[in-house]
Structures are given as structure tokens and as C-alpha cells.
Amino acid sequence: MGSLLTFLIALLAGTTAARGFELPADSTQCVVGLADDWDSSHAKLSFYEKHGGTWQRLGDAWPARLGKSGLVWGLGMHPLPPAATTKREGDLRAPAGVFHLGDVWGAAASMRKPPLLAYHHVTSRDLWIEDPASPDYNKNVRLDHDPATAWEKKQQMKQDDPAHALQLFIAHNAPPKVVAAAGSSIFFHIWRADGGKPTAGCTTMAEPKLRELIANLDPSRRPVYVLLPKAEYAKYRAAWKLP
């Protein structure tokens, strides 16, 4: 009886936490990604803005690709359900939940973008650390020299790769609270084979749609990304005040 009571209390606490969360009131832009289920590598994305307290979708939904093995709960703004399985490095799943959106990274020296959105020109000296043993895990490190060691070269942000020529950071497991081995280097970026290939955990789309998305983002409106299976979205939509 004692163990059952403990389980029920934990379940109630988790449910209450999930219901107590909602999108920040000052987040008035939202990208919503919906997958058919946890094992799907396909999603439909929609872009919303809040006006007068009401979410309005701008334009039509568009297709995207997710992790080869589907989705799993990530580490973001949202509470985790009780006993939830969460993302791990190398699991080939996209992190699900609610996430802040960060800076843009690209191969070009410059690009057209909203004035407040930071853009970083990726050079051969830019690393994105995917080694869980490193204190800089899931962070950008810019070397003062060209990569020389095997470790530095392995962490190097991809060069001459069309799919990574333009990226928008999704703040899963992001600083300052980074958990070792909980997944790193999660971005929106350009899809492969015109959407014919899944990802290792990122969300990808056609290049024109990615450029359009970036052009519409206003950091002052605290844009967020909501990625969930359809059933989970329906479950949390009202309580979390999702679009």
C-alpha cells in the first residue's frame, strides 16, 4: 500500500506540474511542429504570432523531417511527465517539448535577417562540442587556431555541407543548465535529398522555408519552438496555452 501511495503522489505531482506550466506571456511568436506519433520522422510546421491575446497562424503549414527514430522528451522550458524517457546523445530522436530559439549560424559571411537576430559566420575554427565528457558540451567554441588535434577536428562545425549552410539553434539542453550526454547540437537546418532523409535529431526543411522562418523571427517577441506528437499536443494545448 505504501509503494502504491508513493506512486500516486508522484503521479499527481507530475500531472500538477505539467498543468501548471504555460508559455511565457511575452512569447508572442511560436513555431509548432506536429508529428503523427513518437516514432515518426516526419512533421508539419506552422508559424504563429499572438495578437490581442489570440494566436494566429501565418501562412500554411509546411513539411519537415525529424530524427530517424522519431521523437523523445527533451530538456527545455516544459516540465517532464513522470518517469519520462528523455533524449540521449546519439539516440537519433528529435527532442520534444517547448524550447527557446537562439542564434543563426551559416556559411555565408552575411545574410538578410531581422536586425535583432544574431548571425554567426561559421569558420573552420568554430567547434560545436558533442563530447559529453567536455565541460563545453553543447556549446560553441571558437578556437584561436585551426583545428589540429583529432578531437578538435571531430567537434568542428560542418564545413562545405549544404544541409548545414544555414542553421537556427533550438535550445534543447542549452546553457546554463547543460546535462552531460542528454543530447547536443539541435538546430533547424536545411533538409537532405529534398526531404528524403531523416536527421540525427534536428528539425530540417526546405531552404526557402528556413530562410522565410528566419526572416520572420523577432527576438524581442521571445520566439519558441513547440515540437510534439499530435496526441501530446492535444493533451497539453489548453493547459500550456499553446497555439
Protein backbone atom coordinates (compact mmCIF):
# COMPACT_ATOMS: atom_id res chain seq x y z
CA MET A 1 0.00 0.00 0.00
CA GLY A 2 2.85 2.37 0.86
CA SER A 3 4.55 1.96 -2.51
CA LEU A 4 1.25 2.45 -4.33
CA LEU A 5 0.56 5.64 -2.35
CA THR A 6 4.05 6.93 -3.15
CA PHE A 7 3.50 6.23 -6.85
CA LEU A 8 0.13 8.01 -6.85
CA ILE A 9 1.58 11.06 -5.07
CA ALA A 10 4.43 11.23 -7.58
CA LEU A 11 1.99 10.87 -10.48
CA LEU A 12 -0.23 13.64 -9.11
CA ALA A 13 2.76 15.91 -8.55
CA GLY A 14 3.95 15.37 -12.11
CA THR A 15 0.49 15.99 -13.53
CA THR A 16 0.09 19.17 -11.48
CA ALA A 17 3.48 20.43 -12.68
CA ALA A 18 2.56 19.74 -16.28
CA ARG A 19 -0.73 21.58 -15.88
CA GLY A 20 0.94 24.47 -14.06
CA PHE A 21 3.27 25.26 -16.94
CA GLU A 22 2.27 27.62 -19.74
CA LEU A 23 4.04 29.54 -22.47
CA PRO A 24 5.55 32.79 -21.16
CA ALA A 25 3.19 35.72 -21.66
CA ASP A 26 5.89 37.66 -23.53
CA SER A 27 6.48 34.83 -26.02
CA THR A 28 4.34 36.05 -28.91
CA GLN A 29 5.90 34.06 -31.75
CA CYS A 30 5.75 30.27 -31.89
CA VAL A 31 6.79 27.57 -34.33
CA VAL A 32 4.65 24.46 -33.84
CA GLY A 33 5.84 21.07 -35.09
CA LEU A 34 3.40 18.14 -35.06
CA ALA A 35 4.35 14.53 -35.72
CA ASP A 36 1.88 11.66 -36.11
CA ASP A 37 3.42 9.75 -33.19
CA TRP A 38 6.60 9.29 -31.15
CA ASP A 39 8.22 7.11 -33.83
CA SER A 40 7.59 9.38 -36.80
CA SER A 41 10.46 11.16 -38.56
CA HIS A 42 8.04 13.49 -40.37
CA ALA A 43 6.34 16.63 -39.05
CA LYS A 44 4.30 19.58 -40.21
CA LEU A 45 5.45 23.01 -39.06
CA SER A 46 3.31 26.11 -38.57
CA PHE A 47 4.27 29.65 -37.60
CA TYR A 48 2.08 31.61 -35.18
CA GLU A 49 2.02 35.12 -33.77
CA LYS A 50 -0.05 36.33 -30.84
CA HIS A 51 -2.10 39.48 -31.39
CA GLY A 52 -4.51 40.83 -28.81
CA GLY A 53 -4.05 37.72 -26.71
CA THR A 54 -5.00 35.37 -29.56
CA TRP A 55 -2.68 33.10 -31.54
CA GLN A 56 -2.95 33.48 -35.31
CA ARG A 57 -1.28 31.22 -37.85
CA LEU A 58 0.67 33.00 -40.57
CA GLY A 59 0.53 31.13 -43.88
CA ASP A 60 0.14 27.41 -44.43
CA ALA A 61 1.83 24.52 -42.64
CA TRP A 62 4.92 23.06 -44.34
CA PRO A 63 6.72 19.70 -44.18
CA ALA A 64 9.80 18.93 -42.09
CA ARG A 65 11.95 15.93 -41.19
CA LEU A 66 12.87 14.83 -37.68
CA GLY A 67 15.15 12.23 -36.12
CA LYS A 68 15.45 8.87 -37.82
CA SER A 69 13.98 7.15 -34.75
CA GLY A 70 11.28 9.77 -34.13
CA LEU A 71 10.91 11.93 -31.02
CA VAL A 72 11.55 11.73 -27.28
CA TRP A 73 11.11 14.26 -24.47
CA GLY A 74 13.85 16.89 -24.49
CA LEU A 75 15.15 19.34 -21.89
CA GLY A 76 13.57 22.74 -22.44
CA MET A 77 11.10 25.10 -20.80
CA HIS A 78 8.43 22.45 -20.22
CA PRO A 79 8.04 20.10 -17.24
CA LEU A 80 8.66 16.42 -17.87
CA PRO A 81 5.92 13.84 -17.33
CA PRO A 82 6.57 11.33 -14.51
CA ALA A 83 9.14 8.66 -15.45
CA ALA A 84 9.54 10.21 -18.92
CA THR A 85 12.22 8.85 -21.21
CA THR A 86 14.42 11.75 -22.29
CA LYS A 87 16.82 12.39 -25.12
CA ARG A 88 20.31 10.90 -25.03
CA GLU A 89 23.32 11.65 -27.19
CA GLY A 90 23.23 9.52 -30.35
CA ASP A 91 19.67 8.18 -29.94
CA LEU A 92 18.61 9.56 -33.36
CA ARG A 93 15.49 11.17 -31.87
CA ALA A 94 14.37 14.80 -32.02
CA PRO A 95 13.76 16.42 -28.62
CA ALA A 96 10.06 17.05 -27.97
CA GLY A 97 8.70 19.82 -25.77
CA VAL A 98 8.92 23.62 -25.67
CA PHE A 99 12.21 25.37 -26.44
CA HIS A 100 13.58 28.87 -26.80
CA LEU A 101 15.08 29.69 -30.19
CA GLY A 102 18.62 31.01 -30.37
CA ASP A 103 21.02 32.48 -32.91
CA VAL A 104 21.53 31.78 -36.60
CA TRP A 105 24.70 30.15 -37.94
CA GLY A 106 25.75 29.97 -41.56
CA ALA A 107 28.41 29.50 -44.19
CA ALA A 108 27.90 32.90 -45.80
CA ALA A 109 29.76 35.94 -44.47
CA SER A 110 26.42 37.72 -44.03
CA MET A 111 22.71 37.27 -44.69
CA ARG A 112 19.44 39.19 -44.67
CA LYS A 113 17.77 38.86 -41.31
CA PRO A 114 15.83 40.85 -38.70
CA PRO A 115 18.14 43.40 -37.02
CA LEU A 116 17.94 41.88 -33.53
CA LEU A 117 18.58 38.28 -34.61
CA ALA A 118 22.25 37.38 -34.15
CA TYR A 119 24.05 35.76 -37.09
CA HIS A 120 27.37 33.91 -36.80
CA HIS A 121 29.53 33.22 -39.82
CA VAL A 122 30.85 29.69 -39.31
CA THR A 123 34.58 29.35 -39.98
CA SER A 124 36.97 26.42 -39.81
CA ARG A 125 37.77 27.45 -36.24
CA ASP A 126 34.20 27.02 -34.96
CA LEU A 127 33.50 23.92 -32.90
CA TRP A 128 30.19 22.69 -31.52
CA ILE A 129 31.03 20.33 -28.69
CA GLU A 130 29.21 16.99 -28.84
CA ASP A 131 31.59 15.19 -26.46
CA PRO A 132 29.65 14.61 -23.17
CA ALA A 133 32.93 14.48 -21.24
CA SER A 134 33.80 18.06 -22.16
CA PRO A 135 32.92 20.98 -19.86
CA ASP A 136 31.88 22.80 -23.05
CA TYR A 137 29.34 20.15 -24.05
CA ASN A 138 26.61 21.56 -26.31
CA LYS A 139 28.36 24.91 -26.66
CA ASN A 140 30.10 26.76 -29.45
CA VAL A 141 33.84 27.14 -29.00
CA ARG A 142 35.81 29.35 -31.40
CA LEU A 143 39.48 28.42 -31.48
CA ASP A 144 42.29 30.92 -31.90
CA HIS A 145 43.96 28.44 -34.26
CA ASP A 146 42.92 26.00 -36.95
CA PRO A 147 41.81 22.61 -35.53
CA ALA A 148 44.90 20.49 -35.02
CA THR A 149 44.03 17.51 -32.84
CA ALA A 150 41.73 14.64 -33.78
CA TRP A 151 39.33 15.74 -31.03
CA GLU A 152 39.15 19.32 -32.31
CA LYS A 153 38.53 18.14 -35.86
CA LYS A 154 35.74 15.81 -34.69
CA GLN A 155 33.97 18.69 -32.89
CA GLN A 156 34.35 21.06 -35.84
CA MET A 157 31.12 22.55 -37.16
CA LYS A 158 30.48 21.02 -40.58
CA GLN A 159 32.20 22.73 -43.48
CA ASP A 160 31.13 22.52 -47.14
CA ASP A 161 27.92 20.69 -46.21
CA PRO A 162 24.87 22.20 -47.96
CA ALA A 163 22.49 20.91 -45.26
CA HIS A 164 24.37 22.86 -42.59
CA ALA A 165 24.94 26.01 -44.64
CA LEU A 166 22.19 27.69 -42.60
CA GLN A 167 21.14 26.75 -39.07
CA LEU A 168 18.92 28.14 -36.31
CA PHE A 169 19.68 26.94 -32.79
CA ILE A 170 16.95 25.10 -30.85
CA ALA A 171 17.71 25.49 -27.14
CA HIS A 172 17.43 21.86 -26.06
CA ASN A 173 19.72 21.07 -23.09
CA ALA A 174 21.18 24.53 -23.52
CA PRO A 175 23.41 26.62 -21.26
CA PRO A 176 23.45 27.42 -18.43
CA LYS A 177 21.86 24.08 -17.44
CA VAL A 178 23.53 21.52 -19.68
CA VAL A 179 23.23 17.85 -18.73
CA ALA A 180 26.06 15.61 -19.95
CA ALA A 181 25.02 13.08 -22.63
CA ALA A 182 21.44 14.46 -22.75
CA GLY A 183 21.74 15.50 -26.40
CA SER A 184 23.55 18.28 -28.20
CA SER A 185 23.73 20.30 -31.41
CA ILE A 186 19.99 20.56 -32.11
CA PHE A 187 19.14 23.01 -34.89
CA PHE A 188 16.68 23.86 -37.59
CA HIS A 189 18.63 23.38 -40.80
CA ILE A 190 18.24 22.54 -44.49
CA TRP A 191 16.96 19.08 -45.25
CA ARG A 192 18.74 16.42 -47.30
CA ALA A 193 17.57 14.85 -50.56
CA ASP A 194 14.63 17.27 -50.76
CA GLY A 195 13.23 15.81 -47.55
CA GLY A 196 14.01 12.22 -48.47
CA LYS A 197 16.29 11.66 -45.49
CA PRO A 198 15.63 11.91 -41.71
CA THR A 199 18.03 13.53 -39.25
CA ALA A 200 20.04 12.57 -36.19
CA GLY A 201 17.76 14.76 -34.02
CA CYS A 202 17.45 18.14 -35.72
CA THR A 203 14.39 19.54 -37.49
CA THR A 204 15.02 20.13 -41.20
CA MET A 205 13.08 21.75 -44.01
CA ALA A 206 13.48 23.17 -47.50
CA GLU A 207 15.94 26.07 -47.64
CA PRO A 208 13.37 28.68 -48.80
CA LYS A 209 11.13 27.82 -45.83
CA LEU A 210 14.05 28.07 -43.40
CA ARG A 211 15.01 31.47 -44.79
CA GLU A 212 11.40 32.59 -44.56
CA LEU A 213 11.18 31.43 -40.96
CA ILE A 214 14.38 33.23 -40.00
CA ALA A 215 13.18 36.40 -41.74
CA ASN A 216 10.02 36.39 -39.60
CA LEU A 217 11.66 35.84 -36.21
CA ASP A 218 11.84 38.77 -33.82
CA PRO A 219 13.96 38.03 -30.72
CA SER A 220 12.12 40.79 -28.81
CA ARG A 221 9.00 38.62 -29.05
CA ARG A 222 10.78 35.66 -27.41
CA PRO A 223 10.01 33.08 -30.11
CA VAL A 224 9.67 29.44 -29.03
CA TYR A 225 9.52 26.06 -30.73
CA VAL A 226 6.88 23.52 -29.70
CA LEU A 227 7.51 20.02 -31.06
CA LEU A 228 5.16 17.20 -30.00
CA PRO A 229 3.29 14.18 -31.32
CA LYS A 230 -0.29 15.15 -32.18
CA ALA A 231 -1.79 13.30 -29.19
CA GLU A 232 0.55 15.03 -26.73
CA TYR A 233 -0.14 18.42 -28.28
CA ALA A 234 -3.89 17.87 -27.88
CA LYS A 235 -3.29 16.78 -24.27
CA TYR A 236 -1.31 19.86 -23.23
CA ARG A 237 -2.63 22.52 -25.60
CA ALA A 238 -5.14 24.18 -23.29
CA ALA A 239 -3.12 23.94 -20.06
CA TRP A 240 0.11 25.16 -21.63
CA LYS A 241 -1.73 27.84 -23.66
CA LEU A 242 -0.26 26.58 -26.93
CA PRO A 243 -1.45 27.99 -30.26
